[in-house]
Amino acid sequence: MAAKRPTIYDVAKAAGVSKSLVSLVLQSSPKVGEDSRRAVEAAIAELGYRPSRAASNLAAGRTKLVGVLIDDYTNLWFVDLVRGLHAALGPRGYRLSVVDVATADQAEHPVESFLSMRVDGMVVGMDPPNALTDGGLPPVVVAGTRRAPDEHVVDNFDSVANDDAEGARLVAKHLVALGHADLGHLSVGSGAAQVRRAAFEDRARESGARVVSTPYAGPATDEAGYSTAATLLVDHPEITAIFAANDVMAVGALAAARDAGRVVPDDLSIVGYDDTSLASSKLIGLTTVDDRSFDVGVAAGTLLADRMEGSAADPVAKVLEPTLTVRRTCGPRAK
């Protein structure tokens, strides 16, 4: 049987002082006399006592805990987002609790769970749930473009995202410059995807290209990329380039192109979005948009920490500029 972990009461008893005085020593309070301090420190060393950071934070009215709400743990975009959040919040003493609403216990909404955990703040990497419209919330930052432009639920919160419209325009400009005039786009129903779709179609058509976009409204998975690209290539064999809503769908499109006998990039170019580790793998080498998801996480974490630590400025919306990362899945249109 494991030995019982010593408590602050054990330290107080061993040192012959009160629990309150032990707390003052742990807080390095100048109100403690030198003899009492030495007695407490000796008792701590003898017992091997380790103070509970959670208890200390609660005593100070803080938990130093941040709730992170996502809607698809298989989406690699969230990996870099969480890495960025940790980079910003970890050094300031905060811990992250990440919940995927797709797999969460439906008995209680994750927002309510976070509130019961007394989180100091929340980062929302999905469509902001209705629970966020209620009062009594800690500071909230929305990460990523999660709603279509005509929906303003995020107006009351800080938000950080890459410029999805500009990222899509970069893709259209690149493909048209390569001579592609018949373009396909694999879209989904999220706010970010709809922003990308509209910007891609507008820029391509302004340049004289034709665009066929898929109406698929489910999650942006490899399977979705495969099935929608396969259908697109059968229905529109004239298409010579495909822009997918994200890297995972683009990988599915690569498989569909292979099975349809289309050679990438000789007679079909494919572009993704997010610049995930999947895209940069030596096996795939996917041309994609770097939406700076790590930087989005850093910026969101920094904004949130400032709010949690007392900033009272009006809500801000930070937009980071994306770049196009050109790899080997794109080439000139075949003559």
Protein backbone atom coordinates (compact mmCIF):
# COMPACT_ATOMS: atom_id res chain seq x y z
CA MET A 1 0.00 0.00 0.00
CA ALA A 2 1.40 3.39 -0.99
CA ALA A 3 2.40 5.73 1.81
CA LYS A 4 0.00 8.56 2.53
CA ARG A 5 1.06 11.81 0.93
CA PRO A 6 1.86 14.40 3.63
CA THR A 7 -0.51 17.34 3.92
CA ILE A 8 -0.13 20.91 5.02
CA TYR A 9 -1.65 19.85 8.34
CA ASP A 10 1.13 17.28 8.81
CA VAL A 11 3.72 20.00 8.20
CA ALA A 12 2.01 22.31 10.71
CA LYS A 13 1.94 19.56 13.35
CA ALA A 14 5.60 18.62 12.79
CA ALA A 15 6.70 22.25 12.98
CA GLY A 16 4.50 23.06 15.96
CA VAL A 17 2.74 25.92 14.17
CA SER A 18 -0.65 26.63 12.63
CA LYS A 19 -1.72 25.73 9.11
CA SER A 20 -2.07 29.43 8.36
CA LEU A 21 1.53 30.05 9.27
CA VAL A 22 2.66 27.21 6.98
CA SER A 23 0.67 28.87 4.17
CA LEU A 24 2.44 32.15 4.84
CA VAL A 25 5.82 30.42 4.61
CA LEU A 26 4.83 28.80 1.30
CA GLN A 27 3.88 32.26 0.03
CA SER A 28 7.26 33.69 1.19
CA SER A 29 5.43 36.17 3.38
CA PRO A 30 7.64 38.67 5.27
CA LYS A 31 5.25 38.42 8.24
CA VAL A 32 6.80 35.11 9.40
CA GLY A 33 9.58 35.15 11.97
CA GLU A 34 12.89 33.52 11.11
CA ASP A 35 12.62 30.76 13.75
CA SER A 36 9.12 29.78 12.60
CA ARG A 37 10.20 29.83 8.98
CA ARG A 38 13.13 27.50 9.68
CA ALA A 39 10.89 25.12 11.62
CA VAL A 40 8.39 24.95 8.76
CA GLU A 41 11.09 24.49 6.13
CA ALA A 42 12.68 21.69 8.19
CA ALA A 43 9.31 19.94 8.53
CA ILE A 44 8.70 20.25 4.79
CA ALA A 45 12.09 18.70 4.04
CA GLU A 46 11.66 15.91 6.58
CA LEU A 47 8.18 14.94 5.39
CA GLY A 48 8.86 15.44 1.68
CA TYR A 49 5.82 17.70 1.45
CA ARG A 50 4.90 19.13 -1.95
CA PRO A 51 2.38 21.97 -1.97
CA SER A 52 -0.62 21.60 -4.26
CA ARG A 53 -0.46 24.16 -7.02
CA ALA A 54 -4.19 23.75 -7.63
CA ALA A 55 -4.97 24.42 -3.98
CA SER A 56 -2.71 27.46 -3.95
CA ASN A 57 -4.39 28.82 -7.06
CA LEU A 58 -7.85 28.26 -5.61
CA ALA A 59 -6.82 30.04 -2.42
CA ALA A 60 -5.85 32.98 -4.58
CA GLY A 61 -9.20 32.83 -6.41
CA ARG A 62 -7.65 31.37 -9.58
CA THR A 63 -7.38 27.88 -11.05
CA LYS A 64 -4.77 28.72 -13.74
CA LEU A 65 -6.80 26.39 -15.97
CA VAL A 66 -7.88 27.22 -19.53
CA GLY A 67 -10.64 25.32 -21.30
CA VAL A 68 -10.12 24.66 -25.02
CA LEU A 69 -13.17 23.70 -27.04
CA ILE A 70 -12.76 21.98 -30.43
CA ASP A 71 -15.10 20.06 -32.72
CA ASP A 72 -12.90 17.46 -34.42
CA TYR A 73 -9.83 15.99 -32.74
CA THR A 74 -8.85 14.31 -36.04
CA ASN A 75 -8.38 17.73 -37.67
CA LEU A 76 -4.63 18.34 -37.72
CA TRP A 77 -5.20 22.10 -37.61
CA PHE A 78 -5.96 21.76 -33.91
CA VAL A 79 -2.58 20.16 -33.22
CA ASP A 80 -0.67 23.31 -34.13
CA LEU A 81 -3.31 25.52 -32.52
CA VAL A 82 -2.91 23.73 -29.18
CA ARG A 83 0.89 23.82 -29.52
CA GLY A 84 0.69 27.58 -29.97
CA LEU A 85 -1.67 27.97 -27.02
CA HIS A 86 0.69 26.00 -24.81
CA ALA A 87 3.66 28.08 -25.98
CA ALA A 88 1.87 31.26 -24.93
CA LEU A 89 0.11 30.08 -21.78
CA GLY A 90 2.51 27.49 -20.33
CA PRO A 91 5.26 29.96 -19.35
CA ARG A 92 2.62 32.07 -17.60
CA GLY A 93 1.60 29.14 -15.42
CA TYR A 94 -1.61 28.06 -17.17
CA ARG A 95 -2.69 24.49 -17.95
CA LEU A 96 -4.96 23.44 -20.80
CA SER A 97 -8.02 21.21 -20.68
CA VAL A 98 -9.07 20.27 -24.23
CA VAL A 99 -12.56 18.93 -25.00
CA ASP A 100 -13.83 17.74 -28.39
CA VAL A 101 -17.58 18.29 -28.54
CA ALA A 102 -17.87 15.40 -31.01
CA THR A 103 -16.83 12.92 -28.33
CA ALA A 104 -17.79 14.76 -25.13
CA ASP A 105 -20.36 13.44 -22.65
CA GLN A 106 -23.65 14.89 -23.88
CA ALA A 107 -25.12 14.95 -20.35
CA GLU A 108 -23.53 18.34 -19.81
CA HIS A 109 -22.39 20.88 -22.39
CA PRO A 110 -18.59 21.30 -22.34
CA VAL A 111 -19.00 25.01 -21.61
CA GLU A 112 -20.93 24.11 -18.46
CA SER A 113 -18.24 21.57 -17.58
CA PHE A 114 -15.56 24.22 -17.93
CA LEU A 115 -17.53 26.60 -15.74
CA SER A 116 -17.91 23.92 -13.07
CA MET A 117 -14.14 23.42 -13.24
CA ARG A 118 -13.80 27.18 -12.61
CA VAL A 119 -11.56 27.73 -15.61
CA ASP A 120 -9.95 31.15 -15.73
CA GLY A 121 -10.63 31.46 -19.47
CA MET A 122 -11.69 29.62 -22.61
CA VAL A 123 -10.45 29.27 -26.19
CA VAL A 124 -13.12 28.27 -28.70
CA GLY A 125 -11.84 26.63 -31.89
CA MET A 126 -15.26 25.85 -33.35
CA ASP A 127 -18.59 27.54 -34.05
CA PRO A 128 -19.21 29.37 -30.78
CA PRO A 129 -22.03 27.50 -28.99
CA ASN A 130 -25.15 29.27 -27.78
CA ALA A 131 -23.95 28.80 -24.20
CA LEU A 132 -21.41 31.54 -24.88
CA THR A 133 -24.15 34.11 -25.25
CA ASP A 134 -25.01 33.79 -21.56
CA GLY A 135 -23.50 36.03 -18.92
CA GLY A 136 -21.13 35.06 -16.14
CA LEU A 137 -18.40 33.78 -18.46
CA PRO A 138 -14.66 34.04 -17.95
CA PRO A 139 -12.63 35.68 -20.75
CA VAL A 140 -13.14 33.93 -24.12
CA VAL A 141 -11.06 34.00 -27.31
CA VAL A 142 -12.36 32.53 -30.57
CA ALA A 143 -9.58 30.93 -32.64
CA GLY A 144 -9.98 30.58 -36.40
CA THR A 145 -12.75 31.71 -38.73
CA ARG A 146 -15.68 29.78 -37.33
CA ARG A 147 -18.70 31.60 -38.71
CA ALA A 148 -19.71 32.95 -42.08
CA PRO A 149 -19.18 36.72 -42.49
CA ASP A 150 -22.87 37.57 -41.92
CA GLU A 151 -22.92 35.93 -38.49
CA HIS A 152 -21.58 38.10 -35.70
CA VAL A 153 -21.69 35.89 -32.63
CA VAL A 154 -17.97 36.42 -32.09
CA ASP A 155 -18.29 40.20 -31.90
CA ASN A 156 -18.36 40.12 -28.09
CA PHE A 157 -15.11 38.17 -27.82
CA ASP A 158 -11.50 38.54 -28.85
CA SER A 159 -10.77 36.51 -31.97
CA VAL A 160 -7.68 35.41 -33.88
CA ALA A 161 -7.66 33.87 -37.35
CA ASN A 162 -5.71 33.74 -40.55
CA ASP A 163 -7.13 35.64 -43.52
CA ASP A 164 -9.04 32.75 -45.11
CA ALA A 165 -10.20 34.85 -48.04
CA GLU A 166 -6.67 35.95 -48.90
CA GLY A 167 -5.40 32.37 -48.57
CA ALA A 168 -7.97 31.18 -51.10
CA ARG A 169 -7.13 34.04 -53.45
CA LEU A 170 -3.47 33.01 -53.32
CA VAL A 171 -4.47 29.53 -54.52
CA ALA A 172 -6.59 30.86 -57.37
CA LYS A 173 -3.85 33.24 -58.48
CA HIS A 174 -1.26 30.44 -58.45
CA LEU A 175 -3.36 27.97 -60.41
CA VAL A 176 -4.39 30.52 -63.03
CA ALA A 177 -0.76 31.59 -63.42
CA LEU A 178 0.06 27.94 -64.18
CA GLY A 179 -2.43 28.03 -67.01
CA HIS A 180 -5.31 26.17 -65.37
CA ALA A 181 -8.70 27.37 -66.61
CA ASP A 182 -10.98 24.57 -65.39
CA LEU A 183 -10.83 24.33 -61.61
CA GLY A 184 -12.53 22.15 -59.04
CA HIS A 185 -13.06 23.02 -55.40
CA LEU A 186 -13.83 20.57 -52.58
CA SER A 187 -15.75 22.52 -49.94
CA VAL A 188 -17.47 21.81 -46.62
CA GLY A 189 -20.04 23.66 -44.53
CA SER A 190 -17.91 25.41 -41.91
CA GLY A 191 -17.56 29.18 -41.78
CA ALA A 192 -13.89 29.09 -42.73
CA ALA A 193 -14.57 26.81 -45.69
CA GLN A 194 -17.35 29.04 -46.95
CA VAL A 195 -15.13 32.11 -46.76
CA ARG A 196 -12.42 30.26 -48.70
CA ARG A 197 -14.89 28.99 -51.27
CA ALA A 198 -16.36 32.42 -52.02
CA ALA A 199 -12.94 34.07 -52.33
CA PHE A 200 -11.54 31.26 -54.49
CA GLU A 201 -14.49 31.33 -56.88
CA ASP A 202 -14.47 35.13 -57.16
CA ARG A 203 -10.75 35.43 -57.82
CA ALA A 204 -10.66 32.54 -60.30
CA ARG A 205 -13.63 33.83 -62.27
CA GLU A 206 -12.21 37.36 -62.30
CA SER A 207 -9.17 35.82 -63.97
CA GLY A 208 -11.30 34.06 -66.60
CA ALA A 209 -11.20 30.57 -65.10
CA ARG A 210 -14.20 28.29 -64.55
CA VAL A 211 -14.89 26.75 -61.13
CA VAL A 212 -16.99 23.76 -60.08
CA SER A 213 -17.43 23.57 -56.30
CA THR A 214 -18.81 20.54 -54.49
CA PRO A 215 -21.87 20.94 -52.23
CA TYR A 216 -20.62 18.51 -49.55
CA ALA A 217 -21.57 19.71 -46.04
CA GLY A 218 -20.00 17.08 -43.74
CA PRO A 219 -16.62 17.06 -41.97
CA ALA A 220 -13.45 17.68 -43.98
CA THR A 221 -12.06 14.12 -43.88
CA ASP A 222 -9.85 12.01 -46.12
CA GLU A 223 -12.89 9.93 -47.09
CA ALA A 224 -14.84 13.04 -48.01
CA GLY A 225 -11.95 14.29 -50.12
CA TYR A 226 -11.76 10.97 -51.94
CA SER A 227 -15.48 10.62 -52.66
CA THR A 228 -16.11 14.21 -53.70
CA ALA A 229 -12.99 14.37 -55.87
CA ALA A 230 -13.84 11.05 -57.52
CA THR A 231 -17.32 12.29 -58.41
CA LEU A 232 -15.96 15.65 -59.57
CA LEU A 233 -13.45 14.03 -61.94
CA VAL A 234 -16.10 11.76 -63.44
CA ASP A 235 -18.63 14.55 -63.91
CA HIS A 236 -16.09 17.14 -65.06
CA PRO A 237 -13.11 15.40 -66.72
CA GLU A 238 -12.00 18.76 -68.12
CA ILE A 239 -10.83 19.88 -64.66
CA THR A 240 -7.05 20.18 -64.45
CA ALA A 241 -6.66 21.50 -60.88
CA ILE A 242 -8.42 20.92 -57.55
CA PHE A 243 -8.36 23.12 -54.45
CA ALA A 244 -9.48 21.28 -51.31
CA ALA A 245 -10.91 22.81 -48.13
CA ASN A 246 -8.00 21.44 -46.10
CA ASP A 247 -4.94 19.18 -46.34
CA VAL A 248 -6.79 16.05 -45.22
CA MET A 249 -9.36 16.39 -48.01
CA ALA A 250 -6.53 17.12 -50.45
CA VAL A 251 -4.87 13.81 -49.54
CA GLY A 252 -8.17 12.05 -50.27
CA ALA A 253 -8.27 13.86 -53.61
CA LEU A 254 -4.76 12.60 -54.40
CA ALA A 255 -5.99 9.03 -53.90
CA ALA A 256 -9.04 9.67 -56.08
CA ALA A 257 -6.81 11.08 -58.83
CA ARG A 258 -4.61 8.00 -58.68
CA ASP A 259 -7.59 5.66 -58.95
CA ALA A 260 -8.99 7.70 -61.85
CA GLY A 261 -5.72 7.40 -63.75
CA ARG A 262 -4.88 11.09 -63.39
CA VAL A 263 -1.20 11.82 -62.85
CA VAL A 264 -0.34 14.50 -60.26
CA PRO A 265 0.91 17.06 -61.16
CA ASP A 266 1.36 16.20 -64.87
CA ASP A 267 -2.34 16.36 -65.75
CA LEU A 268 -3.96 17.32 -62.44
CA SER A 269 -2.75 19.79 -59.81
CA ILE A 270 -4.00 19.56 -56.22
CA VAL A 271 -3.79 22.17 -53.45
CA GLY A 272 -4.76 21.94 -49.78
CA TYR A 273 -5.10 24.36 -46.87
CA ASP A 274 -3.50 24.47 -43.39
CA ASP A 275 0.10 23.37 -44.18
CA THR A 276 -0.06 20.53 -41.67
CA SER A 277 2.64 17.94 -41.04
CA LEU A 278 0.73 15.71 -43.47
CA ALA A 279 1.27 18.20 -46.29
CA SER A 280 4.96 18.62 -45.60
CA SER A 281 5.74 14.90 -45.48
CA LYS A 282 8.32 13.83 -48.04
CA LEU A 283 5.92 11.19 -49.37
CA ILE A 284 3.14 13.67 -50.19
CA GLY A 285 4.73 17.06 -50.74
CA LEU A 286 1.39 18.87 -50.94
CA THR A 287 1.11 22.43 -52.18
CA THR A 288 -0.98 24.19 -49.55
CA VAL A 289 -1.74 27.43 -47.76
CA ASP A 290 0.12 28.05 -44.53
CA ASP A 291 -2.60 29.52 -42.33
CA ARG A 292 -0.15 30.01 -39.45
CA SER A 293 -2.16 27.88 -37.06
CA PHE A 294 0.68 27.80 -34.50
CA ASP A 295 0.86 31.61 -34.59
CA VAL A 296 -2.94 31.78 -34.26
CA GLY A 297 -2.57 29.71 -31.07
CA VAL A 298 0.19 31.93 -29.72
CA ALA A 299 -1.78 35.10 -30.42
CA ALA A 300 -5.00 33.64 -28.96
CA GLY A 301 -3.18 32.45 -25.85
CA THR A 302 -1.49 35.81 -25.35
CA LEU A 303 -4.77 37.70 -25.74
CA LEU A 304 -6.50 35.37 -23.30
CA ALA A 305 -3.72 35.60 -20.71
CA ASP A 306 -3.85 39.39 -20.87
CA ARG A 307 -7.62 39.27 -20.33
CA MET A 308 -7.33 36.82 -17.43
CA GLU A 309 -4.72 39.01 -15.82
CA GLY A 310 -6.79 42.17 -15.91
CA SER A 311 -6.83 43.75 -19.38
CA ALA A 312 -10.10 45.60 -19.88
CA ALA A 313 -9.71 46.79 -23.48
CA ASP A 314 -12.51 46.41 -26.03
CA PRO A 315 -12.64 43.08 -27.93
CA VAL A 316 -10.11 42.84 -30.74
CA ALA A 317 -10.01 40.76 -33.91
CA LYS A 318 -6.52 39.77 -35.04
CA VAL A 319 -6.09 38.54 -38.61
CA LEU A 320 -2.80 36.91 -39.64
CA GLU A 321 -1.65 36.90 -43.25
CA PRO A 322 -1.35 33.43 -44.84
CA THR A 323 1.24 32.35 -47.39
CA LEU A 324 1.25 29.77 -50.17
CA THR A 325 3.66 26.88 -49.70
CA VAL A 326 4.45 25.44 -53.14
CA ARG A 327 5.44 21.78 -53.29
CA ARG A 328 5.25 19.08 -55.91
CA THR A 329 1.49 18.49 -56.31
CA CYS A 330 1.13 21.54 -58.56
CA GLY A 331 2.39 21.99 -62.11
CA PRO A 332 1.57 23.81 -65.33
CA ARG A 333 -1.55 22.83 -67.21
CA ALA A 334 -0.80 20.07 -69.70
CA LYS A 335 -0.73 21.27 -73.30
